[in-house]
């Protein structure tokens, strides 16, 4: 049981296709697990899969945000590390086989369908980068006006049309990782909740 190893484990992220099956950690900020091995606490270049510190897995957040590193082939030939497998979703040919996602928590099982895969434009700021104004994928809740702005914006940046529509009130799961050789972008996989089964 992952929680017996580390009490910061909040969920398990599962693609039924086998693309990813990873525990999801949550620290008191978004830096702790960025370069930390969740099992040992040691420094680790590709870190651990982590939920945004602002999320509360026991509440009904509109958007649950999960981050993971992308590992360049030159450093790690194993293409299964962290969120590296998400790069397969940049190609429409890989969508159908991998379009369902499940998040298992202590309280429930949440079933999702991928609605959009897009390249989020990043803006340089002191100390790092942030998402451009209309692309705030990392908000826990959205106003209706901003949600509509966001959905319209991501349609301009998505790699292909999934046919899945996003409407205000949907519960979202947003997965974020880097895109190889494109430091100005982040890959965002926006998933729409289909149902939730409570224990």
N, C-alpha and C. Protein backbone atom coordinates (compact mmCIF):
# COMPACT_ATOMS: atom_id res chain seq x y z
N UNK A 1 0.85 -1.20 0.00
CA UNK A 1 0.00 0.00 0.00
C UNK A 1 0.88 1.24 0.00
N UNK A 2 0.69 2.11 -1.02
CA UNK A 2 1.55 3.28 -1.19
C UNK A 2 1.50 4.23 0.00
N UNK A 3 0.33 4.36 0.63
CA UNK A 3 0.18 5.30 1.75
C UNK A 3 1.00 4.85 2.96
N UNK A 4 1.26 3.56 3.07
CA UNK A 4 2.11 3.08 4.16
C UNK A 4 3.56 3.46 3.96
N UNK A 5 3.94 3.67 2.69
CA UNK A 5 5.29 4.11 2.37
C UNK A 5 5.43 5.61 2.61
N UNK A 6 4.40 6.36 2.20
CA UNK A 6 4.43 7.82 2.32
C UNK A 6 3.01 8.33 2.51
N UNK A 7 2.76 8.96 3.64
CA UNK A 7 1.44 9.47 3.96
C UNK A 7 0.97 10.61 3.07
N UNK A 8 1.88 11.15 2.23
CA UNK A 8 1.50 12.21 1.30
C UNK A 8 0.85 11.69 0.03
N UNK A 9 0.78 10.36 -0.12
CA UNK A 9 0.08 9.79 -1.28
C UNK A 9 -1.41 10.10 -1.14
N UNK A 10 -1.96 10.78 -2.15
CA UNK A 10 -3.37 11.20 -2.13
C UNK A 10 -4.25 10.37 -3.05
N UNK A 11 -3.63 9.75 -4.06
CA UNK A 11 -4.42 9.03 -5.06
C UNK A 11 -3.48 8.17 -5.90
N UNK A 12 -4.09 7.39 -6.77
CA UNK A 12 -3.34 6.66 -7.79
C UNK A 12 -3.94 7.03 -9.14
N UNK A 13 -3.07 7.43 -10.07
CA UNK A 13 -3.50 7.81 -11.42
C UNK A 13 -3.29 6.62 -12.34
N UNK A 14 -4.36 6.21 -13.01
CA UNK A 14 -4.31 5.00 -13.83
C UNK A 14 -4.91 5.26 -15.21
N UNK A 15 -4.15 4.93 -16.23
CA UNK A 15 -4.71 4.81 -17.58
C UNK A 15 -5.02 3.32 -17.77
N UNK A 16 -6.28 2.95 -17.97
CA UNK A 16 -6.59 1.53 -18.17
C UNK A 16 -5.79 0.90 -19.31
N UNK A 17 -5.33 1.71 -20.25
CA UNK A 17 -4.51 1.22 -21.35
C UNK A 17 -3.13 0.75 -20.90
N UNK A 18 -2.73 1.17 -19.69
CA UNK A 18 -1.39 0.86 -19.20
C UNK A 18 -0.38 1.97 -19.45
N UNK A 19 -0.81 3.05 -20.06
CA UNK A 19 0.11 4.15 -20.38
C UNK A 19 0.82 4.67 -19.14
N UNK A 20 0.06 4.89 -18.06
CA UNK A 20 0.60 5.38 -16.79
C UNK A 20 -0.16 4.71 -15.65
N UNK A 21 0.58 4.35 -14.61
CA UNK A 21 -0.01 3.84 -13.36
C UNK A 21 0.92 4.30 -12.24
N UNK A 22 0.57 5.42 -11.61
CA UNK A 22 1.48 6.06 -10.67
C UNK A 22 0.75 6.60 -9.44
N UNK A 23 1.40 6.53 -8.27
CA UNK A 23 0.85 7.22 -7.10
C UNK A 23 0.98 8.73 -7.28
N UNK A 24 0.06 9.46 -6.69
CA UNK A 24 0.06 10.93 -6.77
C UNK A 24 0.31 11.49 -5.37
N UNK A 25 1.37 12.25 -5.25
CA UNK A 25 1.77 12.85 -3.97
C UNK A 25 1.25 14.28 -3.88
N UNK A 26 1.18 14.80 -2.65
CA UNK A 26 0.85 16.20 -2.47
C UNK A 26 1.63 16.75 -1.28
N UNK A 27 2.41 17.80 -1.54
CA UNK A 27 3.16 18.46 -0.49
C UNK A 27 2.48 19.74 -0.06
N UNK A 28 3.12 20.49 0.81
CA UNK A 28 2.57 21.76 1.26
C UNK A 28 2.84 22.88 0.26
N UNK A 29 3.65 22.58 -0.76
CA UNK A 29 3.88 23.49 -1.88
C UNK A 29 4.13 22.64 -3.12
N UNK A 30 4.35 23.30 -4.26
CA UNK A 30 4.56 22.55 -5.49
C UNK A 30 6.03 22.31 -5.79
N UNK A 31 6.90 22.55 -4.81
CA UNK A 31 8.33 22.35 -5.02
C UNK A 31 8.84 21.04 -4.42
N UNK A 32 8.23 20.60 -3.32
CA UNK A 32 8.81 19.50 -2.56
C UNK A 32 9.03 18.23 -3.38
N UNK A 33 8.02 17.78 -4.10
CA UNK A 33 8.15 16.52 -4.84
C UNK A 33 8.65 16.70 -6.27
N UNK A 34 9.00 17.94 -6.61
CA UNK A 34 9.49 18.22 -7.95
C UNK A 34 10.76 17.42 -8.25
N UNK A 35 11.62 17.31 -7.25
CA UNK A 35 12.88 16.55 -7.41
C UNK A 35 13.10 15.61 -6.23
N UNK A 36 12.02 15.02 -5.72
CA UNK A 36 12.12 14.13 -4.56
C UNK A 36 11.50 12.78 -4.87
N UNK A 37 12.21 11.72 -4.51
CA UNK A 37 11.69 10.36 -4.64
C UNK A 37 10.68 10.13 -3.52
N UNK A 38 9.44 9.86 -3.89
CA UNK A 38 8.38 9.73 -2.90
C UNK A 38 8.56 8.53 -1.98
N UNK A 39 9.32 7.52 -2.43
CA UNK A 39 9.50 6.32 -1.62
C UNK A 39 10.62 6.45 -0.60
N UNK A 40 11.68 7.18 -0.97
CA UNK A 40 12.87 7.26 -0.11
C UNK A 40 13.08 8.63 0.51
N UNK A 41 12.51 9.67 -0.12
CA UNK A 41 12.78 11.04 0.31
C UNK A 41 14.08 11.59 -0.23
N UNK A 42 14.79 10.78 -1.04
CA UNK A 42 16.06 11.22 -1.62
C UNK A 42 15.83 12.12 -2.81
N UNK A 43 16.86 12.86 -3.18
CA UNK A 43 16.81 13.69 -4.38
C UNK A 43 16.69 12.80 -5.61
N UNK A 44 15.83 13.20 -6.55
CA UNK A 44 15.61 12.43 -7.77
C UNK A 44 15.34 13.40 -8.90
N UNK A 45 16.10 13.29 -9.98
CA UNK A 45 16.05 14.26 -11.07
C UNK A 45 14.65 14.40 -11.67
N UNK A 46 13.92 13.29 -11.79
CA UNK A 46 12.60 13.37 -12.41
C UNK A 46 11.47 13.36 -11.37
N UNK A 47 11.83 13.45 -10.10
CA UNK A 47 10.85 13.68 -9.04
C UNK A 47 9.72 12.67 -8.97
N UNK A 48 8.59 13.11 -8.45
CA UNK A 48 7.41 12.27 -8.27
C UNK A 48 6.20 12.95 -8.89
N UNK A 49 5.20 12.16 -9.25
CA UNK A 49 3.94 12.71 -9.76
C UNK A 49 3.25 13.41 -8.59
N UNK A 50 2.83 14.66 -8.79
CA UNK A 50 2.28 15.40 -7.65
C UNK A 50 1.04 16.21 -8.03
N UNK A 51 0.15 16.28 -7.05
CA UNK A 51 -1.06 17.09 -7.16
C UNK A 51 -0.76 18.50 -6.67
N UNK A 52 -1.39 19.49 -7.29
CA UNK A 52 -1.21 20.87 -6.87
C UNK A 52 -1.55 21.02 -5.39
N UNK A 53 -0.73 21.77 -4.67
CA UNK A 53 -0.93 21.93 -3.22
C UNK A 53 -2.25 22.60 -2.88
N UNK A 54 -2.85 23.31 -3.86
CA UNK A 54 -4.11 24.00 -3.61
C UNK A 54 -5.32 23.06 -3.67
N UNK A 55 -5.14 21.91 -4.29
CA UNK A 55 -6.25 20.96 -4.38
C UNK A 55 -6.53 20.31 -3.04
N UNK A 56 -7.79 19.95 -2.84
CA UNK A 56 -8.20 19.16 -1.68
C UNK A 56 -8.95 17.95 -2.22
N UNK A 57 -8.31 16.80 -2.16
CA UNK A 57 -8.86 15.60 -2.77
C UNK A 57 -10.19 15.19 -2.14
N UNK A 58 -10.47 15.69 -0.93
CA UNK A 58 -11.70 15.32 -0.24
C UNK A 58 -12.83 16.33 -0.48
N UNK A 59 -12.52 17.38 -1.25
CA UNK A 59 -13.55 18.35 -1.60
C UNK A 59 -13.89 18.22 -3.08
N UNK A 60 -14.87 18.97 -3.51
CA UNK A 60 -15.35 18.86 -4.88
C UNK A 60 -14.73 19.96 -5.74
N UNK A 61 -13.40 19.94 -5.87
CA UNK A 61 -12.73 20.94 -6.70
C UNK A 61 -13.18 20.80 -8.15
N UNK A 62 -13.32 21.93 -8.81
CA UNK A 62 -13.70 21.90 -10.22
C UNK A 62 -12.58 21.31 -11.08
N UNK A 63 -11.32 21.57 -10.68
CA UNK A 63 -10.18 21.15 -11.48
C UNK A 63 -9.11 20.57 -10.56
N UNK A 64 -8.77 19.31 -10.79
CA UNK A 64 -7.69 18.67 -10.06
C UNK A 64 -6.45 18.68 -10.96
N UNK A 65 -5.36 19.26 -10.49
CA UNK A 65 -4.17 19.47 -11.31
C UNK A 65 -3.05 18.54 -10.85
N UNK A 66 -2.48 17.80 -11.79
CA UNK A 66 -1.40 16.87 -11.46
C UNK A 66 -0.22 17.14 -12.39
N UNK A 67 0.97 17.25 -11.79
CA UNK A 67 2.20 17.56 -12.52
C UNK A 67 3.14 16.35 -12.54
N UNK A 68 3.90 16.24 -13.62
CA UNK A 68 4.93 15.23 -13.69
C UNK A 68 5.99 15.63 -14.70
N UNK A 69 7.22 15.20 -14.45
CA UNK A 69 8.32 15.53 -15.36
C UNK A 69 8.25 14.74 -16.66
N UNK A 70 8.77 15.37 -17.70
CA UNK A 70 9.06 14.69 -18.95
C UNK A 70 10.57 14.43 -18.97
N UNK A 71 10.98 13.23 -19.30
CA UNK A 71 12.39 12.86 -19.29
C UNK A 71 12.92 12.71 -20.72
N UNK A 72 13.92 13.49 -21.04
CA UNK A 72 14.52 13.45 -22.37
C UNK A 72 15.21 12.11 -22.62
N UNK A 73 15.10 11.63 -23.86
CA UNK A 73 15.69 10.34 -24.22
C UNK A 73 17.18 10.31 -23.93
N UNK A 74 17.87 11.43 -24.15
CA UNK A 74 19.31 11.47 -23.94
C UNK A 74 19.73 11.20 -22.51
N UNK A 75 18.85 11.51 -21.56
CA UNK A 75 19.16 11.30 -20.15
C UNK A 75 18.59 9.98 -19.63
N UNK A 76 17.37 9.65 -20.10
CA UNK A 76 16.70 8.45 -19.62
C UNK A 76 16.10 7.72 -20.82
N UNK A 77 16.68 6.61 -21.19
CA UNK A 77 16.17 5.86 -22.33
C UNK A 77 14.84 5.18 -22.01
N UNK A 78 14.57 4.99 -20.70
CA UNK A 78 13.31 4.38 -20.30
C UNK A 78 12.18 5.39 -20.52
N UNK A 79 11.33 5.12 -21.49
CA UNK A 79 10.27 6.07 -21.86
C UNK A 79 9.04 5.95 -20.97
N UNK A 80 9.17 5.23 -19.84
CA UNK A 80 8.03 5.06 -18.94
C UNK A 80 8.13 5.95 -17.71
N UNK A 81 9.25 6.66 -17.53
CA UNK A 81 9.45 7.43 -16.31
C UNK A 81 8.52 8.63 -16.21
N UNK A 82 8.02 8.86 -14.99
CA UNK A 82 7.21 10.05 -14.66
C UNK A 82 6.08 10.22 -15.69
N UNK A 83 5.93 11.44 -16.23
CA UNK A 83 4.86 11.70 -17.19
C UNK A 83 5.33 11.63 -18.63
N UNK A 84 6.51 11.07 -18.88
CA UNK A 84 7.03 10.95 -20.24
C UNK A 84 6.03 10.29 -21.19
N UNK A 85 5.30 9.22 -20.77
CA UNK A 85 4.37 8.58 -21.71
C UNK A 85 3.27 9.50 -22.24
N UNK A 86 3.00 10.62 -21.55
CA UNK A 86 1.97 11.54 -22.05
C UNK A 86 2.33 12.10 -23.42
N UNK A 87 3.61 12.07 -23.77
CA UNK A 87 4.02 12.59 -25.08
C UNK A 87 3.36 11.81 -26.22
N UNK A 88 2.97 10.57 -25.96
CA UNK A 88 2.29 9.78 -27.00
C UNK A 88 0.95 10.41 -27.38
N UNK A 89 0.36 11.15 -26.43
CA UNK A 89 -0.94 11.76 -26.69
C UNK A 89 -0.86 13.00 -27.57
N UNK A 90 0.35 13.44 -27.90
CA UNK A 90 0.50 14.54 -28.84
C UNK A 90 0.08 14.11 -30.25
N UNK A 91 0.04 12.80 -30.48
CA UNK A 91 -0.35 12.25 -31.78
C UNK A 91 -1.77 11.71 -31.72
N UNK A 92 -2.61 12.16 -32.63
CA UNK A 92 -4.01 11.73 -32.65
C UNK A 92 -4.15 10.21 -32.77
N UNK A 93 -3.19 9.58 -33.43
CA UNK A 93 -3.24 8.13 -33.63
C UNK A 93 -3.23 7.37 -32.31
N UNK A 94 -2.73 8.00 -31.25
CA UNK A 94 -2.63 7.33 -29.95
C UNK A 94 -3.78 7.68 -29.00
N UNK A 95 -4.69 8.53 -29.47
CA UNK A 95 -5.76 9.01 -28.59
C UNK A 95 -6.75 7.92 -28.23
N UNK A 96 -7.29 7.25 -29.22
CA UNK A 96 -8.40 6.33 -28.99
C UNK A 96 -8.05 5.24 -27.97
N UNK A 97 -6.84 4.73 -28.06
CA UNK A 97 -6.42 3.64 -27.17
C UNK A 97 -6.16 4.11 -25.74
N UNK A 98 -5.98 5.42 -25.57
CA UNK A 98 -5.56 5.95 -24.26
C UNK A 98 -6.47 7.04 -23.73
N UNK A 99 -7.71 7.12 -24.23
CA UNK A 99 -8.54 8.29 -23.93
C UNK A 99 -9.21 8.25 -22.56
N UNK A 100 -9.17 7.11 -21.89
CA UNK A 100 -9.79 7.02 -20.56
C UNK A 100 -8.75 7.06 -19.46
N UNK A 101 -9.09 7.75 -18.37
CA UNK A 101 -8.20 7.95 -17.23
C UNK A 101 -9.00 7.73 -15.95
N UNK A 102 -8.36 7.13 -14.96
CA UNK A 102 -9.03 6.87 -13.68
C UNK A 102 -8.16 7.43 -12.56
N UNK A 103 -8.80 8.09 -11.60
CA UNK A 103 -8.12 8.57 -10.39
C UNK A 103 -8.76 7.88 -9.20
N UNK A 104 -7.96 7.10 -8.48
CA UNK A 104 -8.45 6.34 -7.33
C UNK A 104 -8.00 7.03 -6.05
N UNK A 105 -8.95 7.44 -5.21
CA UNK A 105 -8.64 8.08 -3.94
C UNK A 105 -9.13 7.20 -2.80
N UNK A 106 -8.93 7.65 -1.57
CA UNK A 106 -9.43 6.91 -0.41
C UNK A 106 -10.96 6.88 -0.37
N UNK A 107 -11.57 7.89 -0.99
CA UNK A 107 -13.02 8.07 -0.90
C UNK A 107 -13.79 7.56 -2.11
N UNK A 108 -13.15 7.59 -3.28
CA UNK A 108 -13.90 7.29 -4.49
C UNK A 108 -12.99 6.92 -5.66
N UNK A 109 -13.63 6.49 -6.72
CA UNK A 109 -12.95 6.26 -8.00
C UNK A 109 -13.57 7.22 -9.00
N UNK A 110 -12.73 8.00 -9.66
CA UNK A 110 -13.20 9.00 -10.61
C UNK A 110 -12.81 8.57 -12.02
N UNK A 111 -13.77 8.54 -12.91
CA UNK A 111 -13.55 8.10 -14.28
C UNK A 111 -13.60 9.31 -15.21
N UNK A 112 -12.60 9.42 -16.08
CA UNK A 112 -12.48 10.58 -16.97
C UNK A 112 -12.29 10.14 -18.42
N UNK A 113 -12.61 11.09 -19.31
CA UNK A 113 -12.28 10.95 -20.73
C UNK A 113 -11.47 12.17 -21.13
N UNK A 114 -10.41 11.97 -21.89
CA UNK A 114 -9.59 13.09 -22.33
C UNK A 114 -10.38 13.94 -23.33
N UNK A 115 -10.49 15.23 -23.00
CA UNK A 115 -11.23 16.16 -23.85
C UNK A 115 -10.32 16.97 -24.76
N UNK A 116 -9.10 17.25 -24.29
CA UNK A 116 -8.20 18.09 -25.09
C UNK A 116 -6.74 17.82 -24.70
N UNK A 117 -5.90 17.81 -25.70
CA UNK A 117 -4.45 17.76 -25.49
C UNK A 117 -3.89 18.98 -26.23
N UNK A 118 -3.30 19.89 -25.48
CA UNK A 118 -2.85 21.14 -26.13
C UNK A 118 -1.50 21.59 -25.61
N UNK A 119 -0.87 22.46 -26.39
CA UNK A 119 0.40 23.06 -26.00
C UNK A 119 0.14 24.39 -25.34
N UNK A 120 0.37 24.46 -24.04
CA UNK A 120 0.09 25.69 -23.29
C UNK A 120 1.25 26.67 -23.44
N UNK A 121 0.99 27.87 -23.97
CA UNK A 121 2.06 28.87 -24.09
C UNK A 121 2.49 29.36 -22.70
N UNK A 122 3.81 29.41 -22.49
CA UNK A 122 4.36 29.84 -21.21
C UNK A 122 5.00 31.21 -21.34
N UNK A 123 4.95 31.96 -20.25
CA UNK A 123 5.51 33.31 -20.21
C UNK A 123 6.62 33.33 -19.17
N UNK A 124 7.76 33.89 -19.53
CA UNK A 124 8.89 33.98 -18.60
C UNK A 124 8.62 35.04 -17.55
N UNK A 125 8.81 34.68 -16.29
CA UNK A 125 8.70 35.61 -15.17
C UNK A 125 9.91 35.39 -14.27
N UNK A 126 10.11 36.29 -13.34
CA UNK A 126 11.23 36.13 -12.42
C UNK A 126 11.06 34.82 -11.64
N UNK A 127 12.06 33.99 -11.74
CA UNK A 127 12.04 32.72 -11.01
C UNK A 127 11.42 31.56 -11.77
N UNK A 128 11.03 31.78 -13.04
CA UNK A 128 10.49 30.65 -13.79
C UNK A 128 9.55 31.06 -14.90
N UNK A 129 8.52 30.25 -15.10
CA UNK A 129 7.54 30.47 -16.15
C UNK A 129 6.13 30.26 -15.60
N UNK A 130 5.19 30.97 -16.19
CA UNK A 130 3.78 30.78 -15.84
C UNK A 130 2.98 30.65 -17.14
N UNK A 131 1.80 30.09 -17.04
CA UNK A 131 0.93 29.97 -18.20
C UNK A 131 0.46 31.34 -18.67
N UNK A 132 0.34 31.51 -19.98
CA UNK A 132 -0.17 32.76 -20.54
C UNK A 132 -1.60 33.02 -20.02
N UNK A 133 -2.02 34.27 -20.09
CA UNK A 133 -3.25 34.72 -19.42
C UNK A 133 -4.47 33.86 -19.69
N UNK A 134 -4.70 33.48 -20.93
CA UNK A 134 -5.93 32.75 -21.26
C UNK A 134 -5.81 31.24 -21.09
N UNK A 135 -4.66 30.79 -20.56
CA UNK A 135 -4.38 29.35 -20.50
C UNK A 135 -4.10 28.88 -19.08
N UNK A 136 -4.85 29.38 -18.12
CA UNK A 136 -4.59 29.04 -16.72
C UNK A 136 -5.15 27.65 -16.40
N UNK A 137 -4.38 26.65 -16.78
CA UNK A 137 -4.78 25.25 -16.57
C UNK A 137 -4.73 24.86 -15.10
N UNK A 138 -4.03 25.66 -14.29
CA UNK A 138 -3.74 25.28 -12.90
C UNK A 138 -4.58 26.03 -11.88
N UNK A 139 -5.80 26.39 -12.25
CA UNK A 139 -6.74 26.96 -11.29
C UNK A 139 -7.64 25.85 -10.75
N UNK A 140 -7.85 25.85 -9.45
CA UNK A 140 -8.69 24.83 -8.83
C UNK A 140 -10.16 25.06 -9.18
N UNK A 141 -10.56 26.32 -9.29
CA UNK A 141 -11.93 26.68 -9.65
C UNK A 141 -11.90 27.76 -10.71
N UNK A 142 -12.94 27.80 -11.54
CA UNK A 142 -13.05 28.78 -12.61
C UNK A 142 -14.37 29.54 -12.50
N UNK A 143 -14.32 30.83 -12.79
CA UNK A 143 -15.58 31.56 -13.01
C UNK A 143 -16.11 31.12 -14.37
N UNK A 144 -17.40 31.31 -14.59
CA UNK A 144 -17.97 30.89 -15.88
C UNK A 144 -17.35 31.67 -17.04
N UNK A 145 -17.14 32.97 -16.85
CA UNK A 145 -16.56 33.79 -17.91
C UNK A 145 -15.16 33.31 -18.27
N UNK A 146 -14.34 33.09 -17.23
CA UNK A 146 -12.97 32.68 -17.53
C UNK A 146 -12.93 31.27 -18.10
N UNK A 147 -13.77 30.39 -17.61
CA UNK A 147 -13.81 29.03 -18.14
C UNK A 147 -14.07 29.05 -19.64
N UNK A 148 -15.03 29.87 -20.08
CA UNK A 148 -15.33 29.95 -21.51
C UNK A 148 -14.17 30.53 -22.30
N UNK A 149 -13.48 31.51 -21.71
CA UNK A 149 -12.28 32.08 -22.33
C UNK A 149 -11.21 31.01 -22.48
N UNK A 150 -11.03 30.23 -21.42
CA UNK A 150 -10.01 29.17 -21.40
C UNK A 150 -10.31 28.11 -22.46
N UNK A 151 -11.54 27.65 -22.50
CA UNK A 151 -11.91 26.60 -23.47
C UNK A 151 -11.71 27.10 -24.90
N UNK A 152 -12.08 28.33 -25.17
CA UNK A 152 -11.88 28.89 -26.51
C UNK A 152 -10.40 28.99 -26.84
N UNK A 153 -9.60 29.35 -25.85
CA UNK A 153 -8.16 29.48 -26.07
C UNK A 153 -7.51 28.13 -26.37
N UNK A 154 -7.87 27.12 -25.59
CA UNK A 154 -7.20 25.83 -25.80
C UNK A 154 -7.59 25.20 -27.13
N UNK A 155 -8.74 25.57 -27.65
CA UNK A 155 -9.11 25.05 -28.98
C UNK A 155 -8.15 25.57 -30.05
N UNK A 156 -7.54 26.73 -29.79
CA UNK A 156 -6.57 27.28 -30.74
C UNK A 156 -5.22 26.56 -30.66
N UNK A 157 -4.99 25.88 -29.54
CA UNK A 157 -3.68 25.28 -29.30
C UNK A 157 -3.71 23.75 -29.24
N UNK A 158 -4.89 23.15 -29.36
CA UNK A 158 -4.95 21.69 -29.21
C UNK A 158 -4.39 21.02 -30.46
N UNK A 159 -3.84 19.84 -30.25
CA UNK A 159 -3.16 19.11 -31.32
C UNK A 159 -4.15 18.44 -32.27
N UNK A 160 -5.34 18.16 -31.80
CA UNK A 160 -6.39 17.55 -32.63
C UNK A 160 -7.71 17.68 -31.88
N UNK A 161 -8.80 17.48 -32.61
CA UNK A 161 -10.14 17.56 -32.03
C UNK A 161 -10.55 16.17 -31.54
N UNK A 162 -10.81 16.05 -30.24
CA UNK A 162 -11.22 14.76 -29.68
C UNK A 162 -12.71 14.50 -29.86
N UNK A 163 -13.48 15.56 -30.12
CA UNK A 163 -14.93 15.43 -30.19
C UNK A 163 -15.62 15.52 -28.84
N UNK A 164 -14.83 15.65 -27.77
CA UNK A 164 -15.38 15.76 -26.41
C UNK A 164 -15.52 17.24 -26.06
N UNK A 165 -16.72 17.67 -25.75
CA UNK A 165 -16.98 19.08 -25.44
C UNK A 165 -16.82 19.35 -23.95
N UNK A 166 -16.28 20.52 -23.64
CA UNK A 166 -16.16 20.97 -22.25
C UNK A 166 -17.19 22.07 -22.02
N UNK A 167 -17.94 21.95 -20.92
CA UNK A 167 -18.92 22.98 -20.57
C UNK A 167 -18.74 23.36 -19.11
N UNK A 168 -19.12 24.58 -18.80
CA UNK A 168 -18.98 25.06 -17.42
C UNK A 168 -19.76 24.16 -16.47
N UNK A 169 -19.11 23.79 -15.38
CA UNK A 169 -19.71 22.86 -14.42
C UNK A 169 -19.09 21.48 -14.50
N UNK A 170 -18.39 21.20 -15.61
CA UNK A 170 -17.68 19.92 -15.70
C UNK A 170 -16.59 19.86 -14.63
N UNK A 171 -16.37 18.68 -14.09
CA UNK A 171 -15.20 18.46 -13.23
C UNK A 171 -14.05 18.04 -14.14
N UNK A 172 -12.91 18.67 -13.93
CA UNK A 172 -11.75 18.43 -14.80
C UNK A 172 -10.60 17.79 -14.03
N UNK A 173 -9.79 17.06 -14.76
CA UNK A 173 -8.50 16.59 -14.31
C UNK A 173 -7.50 17.10 -15.33
N UNK A 174 -6.51 17.88 -14.88
CA UNK A 174 -5.53 18.47 -15.79
C UNK A 174 -4.15 17.90 -15.49
N UNK A 175 -3.55 17.27 -16.49
CA UNK A 175 -2.23 16.67 -16.36
C UNK A 175 -1.23 17.54 -17.10
N UNK A 176 -0.11 17.85 -16.46
CA UNK A 176 0.86 18.78 -17.05
C UNK A 176 2.25 18.16 -17.09
N UNK A 177 2.92 18.32 -18.25
CA UNK A 177 4.31 17.91 -18.38
C UNK A 177 4.97 18.78 -19.43
N UNK A 178 6.27 18.61 -19.61
CA UNK A 178 7.01 19.38 -20.61
C UNK A 178 6.89 18.74 -21.99
N UNK A 179 7.29 19.49 -23.01
CA UNK A 179 7.34 19.00 -24.38
C UNK A 179 8.79 19.09 -24.83
N UNK A 180 9.33 17.99 -25.31
CA UNK A 180 10.75 17.94 -25.67
C UNK A 180 11.09 19.01 -26.71
N UNK A 181 12.16 19.76 -26.41
CA UNK A 181 12.69 20.81 -27.30
C UNK A 181 11.74 21.99 -27.49
N UNK A 182 10.76 22.13 -26.59
CA UNK A 182 9.84 23.27 -26.66
C UNK A 182 9.65 23.83 -25.26
N UNK A 183 10.65 24.55 -24.78
CA UNK A 183 10.60 25.11 -23.43
C UNK A 183 9.54 26.20 -23.30
N UNK A 184 9.06 26.71 -24.44
CA UNK A 184 8.05 27.77 -24.41
C UNK A 184 6.64 27.21 -24.26
N UNK A 185 6.51 25.88 -24.23
CA UNK A 185 5.19 25.24 -24.13
C UNK A 185 5.18 24.19 -23.02
N UNK A 186 3.98 23.84 -22.55
CA UNK A 186 3.78 22.67 -21.71
C UNK A 186 2.65 21.85 -22.33
N UNK A 187 2.78 20.55 -22.23
CA UNK A 187 1.69 19.69 -22.66
C UNK A 187 0.67 19.61 -21.55
N UNK A 188 -0.57 19.94 -21.87
CA UNK A 188 -1.67 19.83 -20.92
C UNK A 188 -2.70 18.84 -21.47
N UNK A 189 -3.02 17.87 -20.66
CA UNK A 189 -4.05 16.89 -21.01
C UNK A 189 -5.26 17.19 -20.12
N UNK A 190 -6.32 17.70 -20.72
CA UNK A 190 -7.52 18.08 -19.98
C UNK A 190 -8.52 16.93 -20.07
N UNK A 191 -8.89 16.39 -18.91
CA UNK A 191 -9.81 15.25 -18.85
C UNK A 191 -11.12 15.68 -18.21
N UNK A 192 -12.21 15.17 -18.75
CA UNK A 192 -13.56 15.50 -18.27
C UNK A 192 -14.10 14.32 -17.48
N UNK A 193 -14.57 14.60 -16.26
CA UNK A 193 -15.09 13.51 -15.43
C UNK A 193 -16.40 12.98 -16.00
N UNK A 194 -16.46 11.65 -16.09
CA UNK A 194 -17.66 10.98 -16.59
C UNK A 194 -18.55 10.51 -15.45
N UNK A 195 -17.94 9.94 -14.42
CA UNK A 195 -18.70 9.50 -13.25
C UNK A 195 -17.75 9.33 -12.08
N UNK A 196 -18.34 9.21 -10.90
CA UNK A 196 -17.58 9.07 -9.66
C UNK A 196 -18.28 8.03 -8.79
N UNK A 197 -17.55 7.04 -8.36
CA UNK A 197 -18.12 5.98 -7.52
C UNK A 197 -17.50 6.09 -6.14
N UNK A 198 -18.33 6.37 -5.13
CA UNK A 198 -17.85 6.55 -3.77
C UNK A 198 -17.80 5.21 -3.04
N UNK A 199 -16.90 5.10 -2.10
CA UNK A 199 -16.78 3.86 -1.32
C UNK A 199 -17.74 3.89 -0.14
